[in-house]
N, C-alpha and C. Protein backbone atom coordinates (compact mmCIF):
# COMPACT_ATOMS: atom_id res chain seq x y z
N GLU A 1 14.49 12.57 24.02
CA GLU A 1 15.84 12.30 23.58
C GLU A 1 15.93 10.94 22.89
N SER A 2 15.26 9.95 23.48
CA SER A 2 15.26 8.61 22.91
C SER A 2 14.61 8.59 21.52
N VAL A 3 13.49 9.28 21.39
CA VAL A 3 12.79 9.32 20.10
C VAL A 3 13.66 10.03 19.06
N SER A 4 14.23 11.15 19.43
CA SER A 4 15.10 11.89 18.51
C SER A 4 16.25 11.01 18.03
N LYS A 5 16.84 10.28 18.95
CA LYS A 5 17.97 9.40 18.62
C LYS A 5 17.52 8.27 17.67
N GLN A 6 16.36 7.69 17.93
CA GLN A 6 15.87 6.61 17.07
C GLN A 6 15.61 7.09 15.65
N ILE A 7 14.99 8.26 15.53
CA ILE A 7 14.70 8.80 14.20
C ILE A 7 16.01 9.09 13.47
N GLN A 8 16.97 9.67 14.17
CA GLN A 8 18.25 9.98 13.54
C GLN A 8 18.97 8.71 13.10
N GLN A 9 18.96 7.68 13.94
CA GLN A 9 19.60 6.42 13.57
C GLN A 9 18.93 5.81 12.34
N PHE A 10 17.61 5.87 12.29
CA PHE A 10 16.89 5.35 11.13
C PHE A 10 17.29 6.12 9.87
N GLN A 11 17.31 7.45 9.98
CA GLN A 11 17.68 8.25 8.83
C GLN A 11 19.12 7.98 8.39
N ASP A 12 20.03 7.81 9.33
CA ASP A 12 21.42 7.50 8.99
C ASP A 12 21.53 6.20 8.20
N VAL A 13 20.84 5.17 8.66
CA VAL A 13 20.86 3.88 7.96
C VAL A 13 20.23 4.02 6.57
N ALA A 14 19.10 4.72 6.50
CA ALA A 14 18.44 4.92 5.21
C ALA A 14 19.38 5.61 4.23
N LEU A 15 20.07 6.65 4.69
CA LEU A 15 21.00 7.37 3.81
C LEU A 15 22.15 6.48 3.36
N GLU A 16 22.66 5.63 4.26
CA GLU A 16 23.73 4.69 3.90
C GLU A 16 23.27 3.74 2.79
N LEU A 17 21.98 3.42 2.80
CA LEU A 17 21.42 2.52 1.79
C LEU A 17 20.93 3.26 0.55
N GLY A 18 21.08 4.59 0.55
CA GLY A 18 20.64 5.39 -0.59
C GLY A 18 19.13 5.59 -0.63
N ILE A 19 18.49 5.49 0.51
CA ILE A 19 17.03 5.62 0.60
C ILE A 19 16.69 6.92 1.32
N THR A 20 15.71 7.62 0.81
CA THR A 20 15.24 8.84 1.46
C THR A 20 14.12 8.49 2.42
N MET A 21 14.20 9.01 3.63
CA MET A 21 13.14 8.76 4.60
C MET A 21 11.86 9.45 4.12
N ASN A 22 10.78 8.70 3.98
CA ASN A 22 9.52 9.20 3.46
C ASN A 22 8.69 9.94 4.50
N HIS A 23 8.66 9.41 5.70
CA HIS A 23 7.80 10.00 6.73
C HIS A 23 8.26 9.59 8.12
N ILE A 24 7.72 10.29 9.10
CA ILE A 24 7.92 9.95 10.51
C ILE A 24 6.55 9.64 11.08
N LYS A 25 6.47 8.57 11.83
CA LYS A 25 5.22 8.21 12.48
C LYS A 25 5.53 7.75 13.90
N MET A 26 4.94 8.42 14.85
CA MET A 26 5.07 7.99 16.24
C MET A 26 4.23 6.73 16.42
N HIS A 27 4.44 6.03 17.52
CA HIS A 27 3.78 4.76 17.71
C HIS A 27 3.09 4.69 19.07
N GLY A 28 1.92 4.04 19.09
CA GLY A 28 1.23 3.74 20.34
C GLY A 28 0.82 4.98 21.11
N ALA A 29 1.08 4.94 22.41
CA ALA A 29 0.68 6.05 23.29
C ALA A 29 1.39 7.34 22.88
N LEU A 30 2.61 7.24 22.37
CA LEU A 30 3.34 8.43 21.93
C LEU A 30 2.64 9.07 20.73
N TYR A 31 2.08 8.25 19.85
CA TYR A 31 1.32 8.76 18.69
C TYR A 31 0.19 9.66 19.17
N HIS A 32 -0.55 9.19 20.16
CA HIS A 32 -1.70 9.95 20.67
C HIS A 32 -1.25 11.17 21.48
N ALA A 33 -0.20 11.03 22.27
CA ALA A 33 0.30 12.16 23.05
C ALA A 33 0.81 13.27 22.14
N THR A 34 1.60 12.90 21.13
CA THR A 34 2.15 13.91 20.23
C THR A 34 1.09 14.54 19.34
N ALA A 35 -0.06 13.91 19.24
CA ALA A 35 -1.14 14.45 18.41
C ALA A 35 -2.06 15.39 19.19
N HIS A 36 -2.18 15.17 20.50
CA HIS A 36 -3.24 15.87 21.24
C HIS A 36 -2.79 16.65 22.48
N LEU A 37 -1.63 16.35 23.04
CA LEU A 37 -1.19 17.02 24.27
C LEU A 37 -0.21 18.14 23.92
N THR A 38 -0.53 19.33 24.35
CA THR A 38 0.19 20.53 23.93
C THR A 38 1.71 20.44 24.06
N ASP A 39 2.21 19.98 25.20
CA ASP A 39 3.66 19.90 25.38
C ASP A 39 4.30 18.95 24.36
N TYR A 40 3.65 17.82 24.13
CA TYR A 40 4.17 16.85 23.15
C TYR A 40 4.04 17.38 21.73
N VAL A 41 2.94 18.06 21.44
CA VAL A 41 2.75 18.66 20.12
C VAL A 41 3.87 19.66 19.86
N ASN A 42 4.12 20.55 20.83
CA ASN A 42 5.16 21.57 20.66
C ASN A 42 6.53 20.93 20.46
N TRP A 43 6.83 19.89 21.24
CA TRP A 43 8.11 19.20 21.09
C TRP A 43 8.23 18.59 19.71
N THR A 44 7.16 17.95 19.24
CA THR A 44 7.18 17.28 17.93
C THR A 44 7.38 18.29 16.81
N VAL A 45 6.64 19.38 16.85
CA VAL A 45 6.77 20.41 15.82
C VAL A 45 8.19 20.97 15.82
N GLN A 46 8.76 21.22 16.98
CA GLN A 46 10.12 21.76 17.06
C GLN A 46 11.13 20.75 16.51
N LEU A 47 10.96 19.48 16.84
CA LEU A 47 11.85 18.43 16.33
C LEU A 47 11.82 18.39 14.81
N VAL A 48 10.64 18.36 14.25
CA VAL A 48 10.51 18.29 12.80
C VAL A 48 11.07 19.56 12.16
N LYS A 49 10.74 20.69 12.72
CA LYS A 49 11.21 21.98 12.20
C LYS A 49 12.74 22.08 12.21
N ASP A 50 13.35 21.63 13.32
CA ASP A 50 14.80 21.75 13.48
C ASP A 50 15.59 20.71 12.69
N LYS A 51 15.10 19.47 12.66
CA LYS A 51 15.92 18.38 12.13
C LYS A 51 15.38 17.72 10.86
N TYR A 52 14.07 17.76 10.63
CA TYR A 52 13.48 17.02 9.51
C TYR A 52 12.44 17.84 8.76
N PRO A 53 12.76 19.08 8.40
CA PRO A 53 11.73 19.94 7.79
C PRO A 53 11.22 19.45 6.44
N GLU A 54 11.95 18.56 5.80
CA GLU A 54 11.53 18.04 4.49
C GLU A 54 10.81 16.70 4.59
N VAL A 55 10.69 16.17 5.80
CA VAL A 55 10.07 14.85 6.00
C VAL A 55 8.66 15.05 6.54
N LYS A 56 7.68 14.39 5.91
CA LYS A 56 6.31 14.56 6.40
C LYS A 56 6.06 13.69 7.63
N LEU A 57 5.10 14.11 8.40
CA LEU A 57 4.70 13.40 9.61
C LEU A 57 3.32 12.81 9.37
N TYR A 58 3.07 11.61 9.86
CA TYR A 58 1.73 11.01 9.80
C TYR A 58 1.00 11.41 11.08
N VAL A 59 -0.20 11.97 10.91
CA VAL A 59 -0.95 12.52 12.04
C VAL A 59 -2.43 12.13 11.96
N PRO A 60 -3.10 12.08 13.10
CA PRO A 60 -4.55 11.85 13.08
C PRO A 60 -5.26 13.08 12.52
N PRO A 61 -6.27 12.87 11.67
CA PRO A 61 -7.04 14.00 11.14
C PRO A 61 -7.67 14.82 12.27
N GLY A 62 -7.60 16.14 12.12
CA GLY A 62 -8.23 17.03 13.08
C GLY A 62 -7.48 17.18 14.39
N SER A 63 -6.28 16.66 14.47
CA SER A 63 -5.52 16.72 15.72
C SER A 63 -4.88 18.09 15.90
N LEU A 64 -4.52 18.37 17.13
CA LEU A 64 -3.78 19.60 17.44
C LEU A 64 -2.45 19.60 16.68
N LEU A 65 -1.83 18.44 16.56
CA LEU A 65 -0.56 18.35 15.83
C LEU A 65 -0.74 18.74 14.37
N GLU A 66 -1.81 18.29 13.75
CA GLU A 66 -2.07 18.67 12.36
C GLU A 66 -2.15 20.19 12.24
N GLN A 67 -2.89 20.81 13.13
CA GLN A 67 -3.05 22.26 13.08
C GLN A 67 -1.72 22.99 13.26
N GLU A 68 -0.91 22.53 14.19
CA GLU A 68 0.38 23.19 14.44
C GLU A 68 1.36 22.99 13.28
N LEU A 69 1.37 21.80 12.70
CA LEU A 69 2.23 21.57 11.53
C LEU A 69 1.81 22.50 10.39
N LYS A 70 0.50 22.61 10.21
CA LYS A 70 -0.04 23.51 9.17
C LYS A 70 0.38 24.95 9.46
N ASN A 71 0.26 25.38 10.71
CA ASN A 71 0.65 26.74 11.09
C ASN A 71 2.11 27.04 10.81
N HIS A 72 2.96 26.01 10.90
CA HIS A 72 4.40 26.18 10.69
C HIS A 72 4.84 25.83 9.27
N GLY A 73 3.88 25.50 8.41
CA GLY A 73 4.21 25.19 7.02
C GLY A 73 4.97 23.89 6.86
N LEU A 74 4.77 22.96 7.79
CA LEU A 74 5.47 21.67 7.73
C LEU A 74 4.57 20.62 7.08
N SER A 75 5.20 19.64 6.48
CA SER A 75 4.50 18.63 5.70
C SER A 75 3.93 17.51 6.58
N TYR A 76 2.73 17.07 6.26
CA TYR A 76 2.11 15.97 6.98
C TYR A 76 1.08 15.28 6.09
N ASP A 77 0.75 14.06 6.43
CA ASP A 77 -0.37 13.33 5.84
C ASP A 77 -1.28 12.91 6.97
N ARG A 78 -2.59 13.10 6.76
CA ARG A 78 -3.57 12.63 7.73
C ARG A 78 -3.69 11.11 7.57
N GLU A 79 -3.66 10.42 8.71
CA GLU A 79 -3.65 8.96 8.71
C GLU A 79 -4.92 8.41 9.37
N ALA A 80 -5.50 7.41 8.74
CA ALA A 80 -6.64 6.70 9.31
C ALA A 80 -6.25 5.24 9.48
N PHE A 81 -6.98 4.55 10.33
CA PHE A 81 -6.67 3.16 10.65
C PHE A 81 -7.76 2.25 10.10
N ALA A 82 -7.38 1.43 9.14
CA ALA A 82 -8.33 0.55 8.47
C ALA A 82 -8.85 -0.55 9.39
N ASP A 83 -8.05 -0.93 10.36
CA ASP A 83 -8.41 -2.07 11.20
C ASP A 83 -8.81 -1.67 12.62
N ARG A 84 -9.17 -0.42 12.80
CA ARG A 84 -9.60 0.05 14.12
C ARG A 84 -10.96 0.72 14.02
N ARG A 85 -11.72 0.63 15.09
CA ARG A 85 -13.02 1.27 15.16
C ARG A 85 -12.84 2.69 15.72
N TYR A 86 -13.75 3.57 15.31
CA TYR A 86 -13.75 4.96 15.72
C TYR A 86 -14.98 5.27 16.56
N ASP A 87 -14.84 6.27 17.46
CA ASP A 87 -16.00 6.74 18.21
C ASP A 87 -16.57 7.97 17.48
N ASN A 88 -17.64 8.53 18.00
CA ASN A 88 -18.32 9.65 17.34
C ASN A 88 -17.50 10.93 17.28
N ASP A 89 -16.43 11.01 18.07
CA ASP A 89 -15.55 12.17 18.06
C ASP A 89 -14.40 12.01 17.07
N GLY A 90 -14.40 10.90 16.34
CA GLY A 90 -13.33 10.65 15.38
C GLY A 90 -12.07 10.10 16.00
N LYS A 91 -12.15 9.70 17.26
CA LYS A 91 -10.99 9.11 17.95
C LYS A 91 -11.10 7.59 17.92
N LEU A 92 -9.97 6.94 18.02
CA LEU A 92 -9.96 5.49 18.04
C LEU A 92 -10.61 4.97 19.32
N VAL A 93 -11.38 3.91 19.18
CA VAL A 93 -11.95 3.24 20.35
C VAL A 93 -10.80 2.57 21.09
N SER A 94 -10.80 2.67 22.40
CA SER A 94 -9.74 2.09 23.22
C SER A 94 -9.59 0.60 22.94
N ARG A 95 -8.35 0.15 22.90
CA ARG A 95 -8.09 -1.28 22.72
C ARG A 95 -8.62 -2.11 23.89
N ASN A 96 -8.98 -1.46 24.97
CA ASN A 96 -9.59 -2.18 26.10
C ASN A 96 -11.02 -2.62 25.76
N ASP A 97 -11.62 -2.00 24.76
CA ASP A 97 -12.96 -2.37 24.31
C ASP A 97 -12.84 -3.59 23.39
N ALA A 98 -13.69 -4.56 23.60
CA ALA A 98 -13.64 -5.81 22.83
C ALA A 98 -13.83 -5.58 21.33
N ASN A 99 -14.50 -4.50 20.94
CA ASN A 99 -14.78 -4.24 19.53
C ASN A 99 -13.83 -3.21 18.90
N ALA A 100 -12.72 -2.92 19.53
CA ALA A 100 -11.82 -1.86 19.07
C ALA A 100 -11.08 -2.21 17.78
N VAL A 101 -10.78 -3.49 17.60
CA VAL A 101 -9.97 -3.93 16.46
C VAL A 101 -10.82 -4.72 15.49
N ILE A 102 -10.69 -4.41 14.21
CA ILE A 102 -11.40 -5.16 13.16
C ILE A 102 -10.51 -6.31 12.73
N GLU A 103 -10.98 -7.52 12.93
CA GLU A 103 -10.19 -8.71 12.60
C GLU A 103 -10.75 -9.49 11.42
N ASP A 104 -11.88 -9.07 10.91
CA ASP A 104 -12.54 -9.73 9.79
C ASP A 104 -12.16 -9.01 8.49
N VAL A 105 -11.68 -9.78 7.51
CA VAL A 105 -11.18 -9.20 6.26
C VAL A 105 -12.27 -8.38 5.56
N SER A 106 -13.47 -8.91 5.44
CA SER A 106 -14.52 -8.19 4.71
C SER A 106 -14.90 -6.90 5.42
N LYS A 107 -14.90 -6.89 6.75
CA LYS A 107 -15.22 -5.67 7.49
C LYS A 107 -14.10 -4.64 7.33
N LEU A 108 -12.86 -5.10 7.34
CA LEU A 108 -11.73 -4.19 7.13
C LEU A 108 -11.81 -3.57 5.74
N VAL A 109 -12.03 -4.39 4.73
CA VAL A 109 -12.10 -3.89 3.35
C VAL A 109 -13.28 -2.93 3.20
N ASN A 110 -14.40 -3.24 3.82
CA ASN A 110 -15.56 -2.35 3.76
C ASN A 110 -15.23 -1.00 4.40
N GLN A 111 -14.62 -1.04 5.59
CA GLN A 111 -14.28 0.22 6.26
C GLN A 111 -13.28 1.03 5.43
N LEU A 112 -12.26 0.38 4.92
CA LEU A 112 -11.25 1.09 4.15
C LEU A 112 -11.85 1.65 2.85
N SER A 113 -12.72 0.91 2.22
CA SER A 113 -13.37 1.39 0.99
C SER A 113 -14.17 2.66 1.25
N ILE A 114 -14.91 2.68 2.35
CA ILE A 114 -15.69 3.87 2.71
C ILE A 114 -14.75 5.04 3.03
N MET A 115 -13.67 4.75 3.74
CA MET A 115 -12.70 5.81 4.06
C MET A 115 -12.10 6.41 2.79
N VAL A 116 -11.67 5.55 1.88
CA VAL A 116 -10.97 6.01 0.68
C VAL A 116 -11.93 6.68 -0.30
N HIS A 117 -13.06 6.06 -0.58
CA HIS A 117 -13.96 6.54 -1.63
C HIS A 117 -14.96 7.60 -1.17
N GLU A 118 -15.26 7.63 0.13
CA GLU A 118 -16.30 8.54 0.61
C GLU A 118 -15.82 9.52 1.69
N ASN A 119 -14.56 9.41 2.10
CA ASN A 119 -14.00 10.28 3.14
C ASN A 119 -14.84 10.29 4.41
N LYS A 120 -15.24 9.11 4.83
CA LYS A 120 -15.98 9.01 6.08
C LYS A 120 -15.70 7.65 6.72
N VAL A 121 -16.14 7.53 7.96
CA VAL A 121 -16.01 6.26 8.67
C VAL A 121 -17.32 6.03 9.41
N ILE A 122 -17.70 4.78 9.50
CA ILE A 122 -18.89 4.42 10.27
C ILE A 122 -18.41 4.07 11.67
N CYS A 123 -18.86 4.85 12.64
CA CYS A 123 -18.40 4.72 14.02
C CYS A 123 -18.96 3.46 14.68
N ILE A 124 -18.45 3.19 15.85
CA ILE A 124 -18.81 1.99 16.59
C ILE A 124 -20.32 1.88 16.82
N ASP A 125 -21.01 3.03 16.90
CA ASP A 125 -22.47 3.01 17.11
C ASP A 125 -23.25 3.16 15.79
N GLU A 126 -22.56 2.97 14.65
CA GLU A 126 -23.13 3.04 13.30
C GLU A 126 -23.36 4.46 12.80
N HIS A 127 -22.98 5.46 13.56
CA HIS A 127 -23.07 6.86 13.14
C HIS A 127 -21.93 7.14 12.16
N GLU A 128 -22.19 7.87 11.07
CA GLU A 128 -21.16 8.21 10.09
C GLU A 128 -20.57 9.57 10.41
N ILE A 129 -19.24 9.69 10.27
CA ILE A 129 -18.58 10.98 10.41
C ILE A 129 -17.58 11.17 9.27
N TYR A 130 -17.30 12.43 8.97
CA TYR A 130 -16.32 12.79 7.95
C TYR A 130 -14.93 12.41 8.43
N LEU A 131 -14.13 11.81 7.56
CA LEU A 131 -12.76 11.45 7.90
C LEU A 131 -11.94 11.52 6.62
N ASN A 132 -11.10 12.54 6.51
CA ASN A 132 -10.30 12.74 5.32
C ASN A 132 -8.85 12.37 5.64
N ALA A 133 -8.34 11.36 4.97
CA ALA A 133 -6.97 10.91 5.20
C ALA A 133 -6.26 10.68 3.86
N GLN A 134 -4.94 10.72 3.92
CA GLN A 134 -4.13 10.44 2.73
C GLN A 134 -3.40 9.11 2.83
N THR A 135 -3.30 8.58 4.04
CA THR A 135 -2.61 7.31 4.23
C THR A 135 -3.40 6.48 5.24
N TYR A 136 -3.30 5.17 5.11
CA TYR A 136 -4.12 4.26 5.91
C TYR A 136 -3.23 3.17 6.50
N CYS A 137 -3.47 2.85 7.74
CA CYS A 137 -2.65 1.89 8.46
C CYS A 137 -3.44 0.61 8.74
N VAL A 138 -2.77 -0.51 8.58
CA VAL A 138 -3.24 -1.80 9.08
C VAL A 138 -2.14 -2.27 10.02
N HIS A 139 -2.50 -2.56 11.25
CA HIS A 139 -1.51 -2.91 12.27
C HIS A 139 -0.90 -4.30 12.01
N GLY A 140 0.41 -4.37 12.12
CA GLY A 140 1.12 -5.63 11.93
C GLY A 140 0.87 -6.65 13.03
N ASP A 141 0.34 -6.19 14.18
CA ASP A 141 0.04 -7.14 15.25
C ASP A 141 -1.40 -7.65 15.17
N ASN A 142 -2.11 -7.27 14.12
CA ASN A 142 -3.47 -7.76 13.89
C ASN A 142 -3.35 -9.07 13.09
N LEU A 143 -3.08 -10.14 13.80
CA LEU A 143 -2.73 -11.41 13.14
C LEU A 143 -3.84 -11.96 12.26
N SER A 144 -5.09 -11.72 12.60
CA SER A 144 -6.19 -12.19 11.75
C SER A 144 -6.10 -11.59 10.35
N ILE A 145 -5.71 -10.34 10.28
CA ILE A 145 -5.57 -9.67 8.99
C ILE A 145 -4.24 -10.06 8.33
N VAL A 146 -3.17 -10.06 9.09
CA VAL A 146 -1.85 -10.39 8.54
C VAL A 146 -1.85 -11.78 7.91
N HIS A 147 -2.45 -12.75 8.58
CA HIS A 147 -2.48 -14.12 8.05
C HIS A 147 -3.35 -14.26 6.81
N ASN A 148 -4.21 -13.30 6.57
CA ASN A 148 -5.10 -13.33 5.40
C ASN A 148 -4.83 -12.15 4.46
N PHE A 149 -3.58 -11.69 4.45
CA PHE A 149 -3.29 -10.47 3.71
C PHE A 149 -3.47 -10.62 2.20
N ASN A 150 -3.25 -11.82 1.65
CA ASN A 150 -3.51 -12.02 0.22
C ASN A 150 -4.98 -11.79 -0.09
N GLU A 151 -5.85 -12.25 0.78
CA GLU A 151 -7.29 -12.02 0.62
C GLU A 151 -7.60 -10.52 0.72
N VAL A 152 -6.96 -9.85 1.65
CA VAL A 152 -7.14 -8.40 1.80
C VAL A 152 -6.73 -7.70 0.51
N MET A 153 -5.56 -8.02 -0.02
CA MET A 153 -5.06 -7.37 -1.23
C MET A 153 -5.98 -7.60 -2.42
N THR A 154 -6.47 -8.82 -2.58
CA THR A 154 -7.40 -9.14 -3.67
C THR A 154 -8.67 -8.30 -3.53
N ALA A 155 -9.21 -8.24 -2.32
CA ALA A 155 -10.43 -7.46 -2.09
C ALA A 155 -10.21 -5.98 -2.32
N LEU A 156 -9.06 -5.47 -1.91
CA LEU A 156 -8.77 -4.05 -2.13
C LEU A 156 -8.68 -3.74 -3.63
N ASN A 157 -8.04 -4.61 -4.38
CA ASN A 157 -7.98 -4.41 -5.84
C ASN A 157 -9.36 -4.40 -6.46
N LEU A 158 -10.23 -5.28 -6.01
CA LEU A 158 -11.60 -5.32 -6.50
C LEU A 158 -12.37 -4.04 -6.16
N ASN A 159 -11.95 -3.36 -5.10
CA ASN A 159 -12.58 -2.11 -4.67
C ASN A 159 -11.81 -0.88 -5.17
N GLN A 160 -10.96 -1.06 -6.19
CA GLN A 160 -10.18 0.02 -6.78
C GLN A 160 -9.33 0.77 -5.74
N ILE A 161 -8.74 0.02 -4.82
CA ILE A 161 -7.82 0.61 -3.85
C ILE A 161 -6.45 0.01 -4.12
N LYS A 162 -5.54 0.87 -4.54
CA LYS A 162 -4.19 0.43 -4.89
C LYS A 162 -3.25 0.71 -3.74
N ILE A 163 -2.39 -0.25 -3.47
CA ILE A 163 -1.37 -0.10 -2.44
C ILE A 163 -0.11 0.37 -3.15
N GLY A 164 0.47 1.46 -2.65
CA GLY A 164 1.62 2.00 -3.35
C GLY A 164 2.72 2.41 -2.44
């Protein structure tokens, strides 16, 4: 109920400003629950189907949520995380692991370049896996990257990655 209310309030404000809501993205533990746990997946699909059928959802590639949205003909973009490490199953390494977050600009740019240009990611153990995404996230609480974002943008431009 709380999530539904928040999304509706956001959409109401966007409409008042003459802006169309581009996408819905769950956050944190809810992002993972709605992507992989059947009850949450079903709730999310029903919410989007009933109230936001024209709004795409950002989802992890290969998730149960992606499959269910596809089954219902609903719009979504697969999302990858430029500043997070992945395990061999294509899941994010837990933030409890010291190496879960990429805080070095060159490593972030390297990972994102591989994701964008080669549709793969190099996992925490250096194993490569296929990863096809349409949108990429850099976390706003990753202060090492945020404080050096001009450097990130310059490097991304040099790697033919446009932010749009």
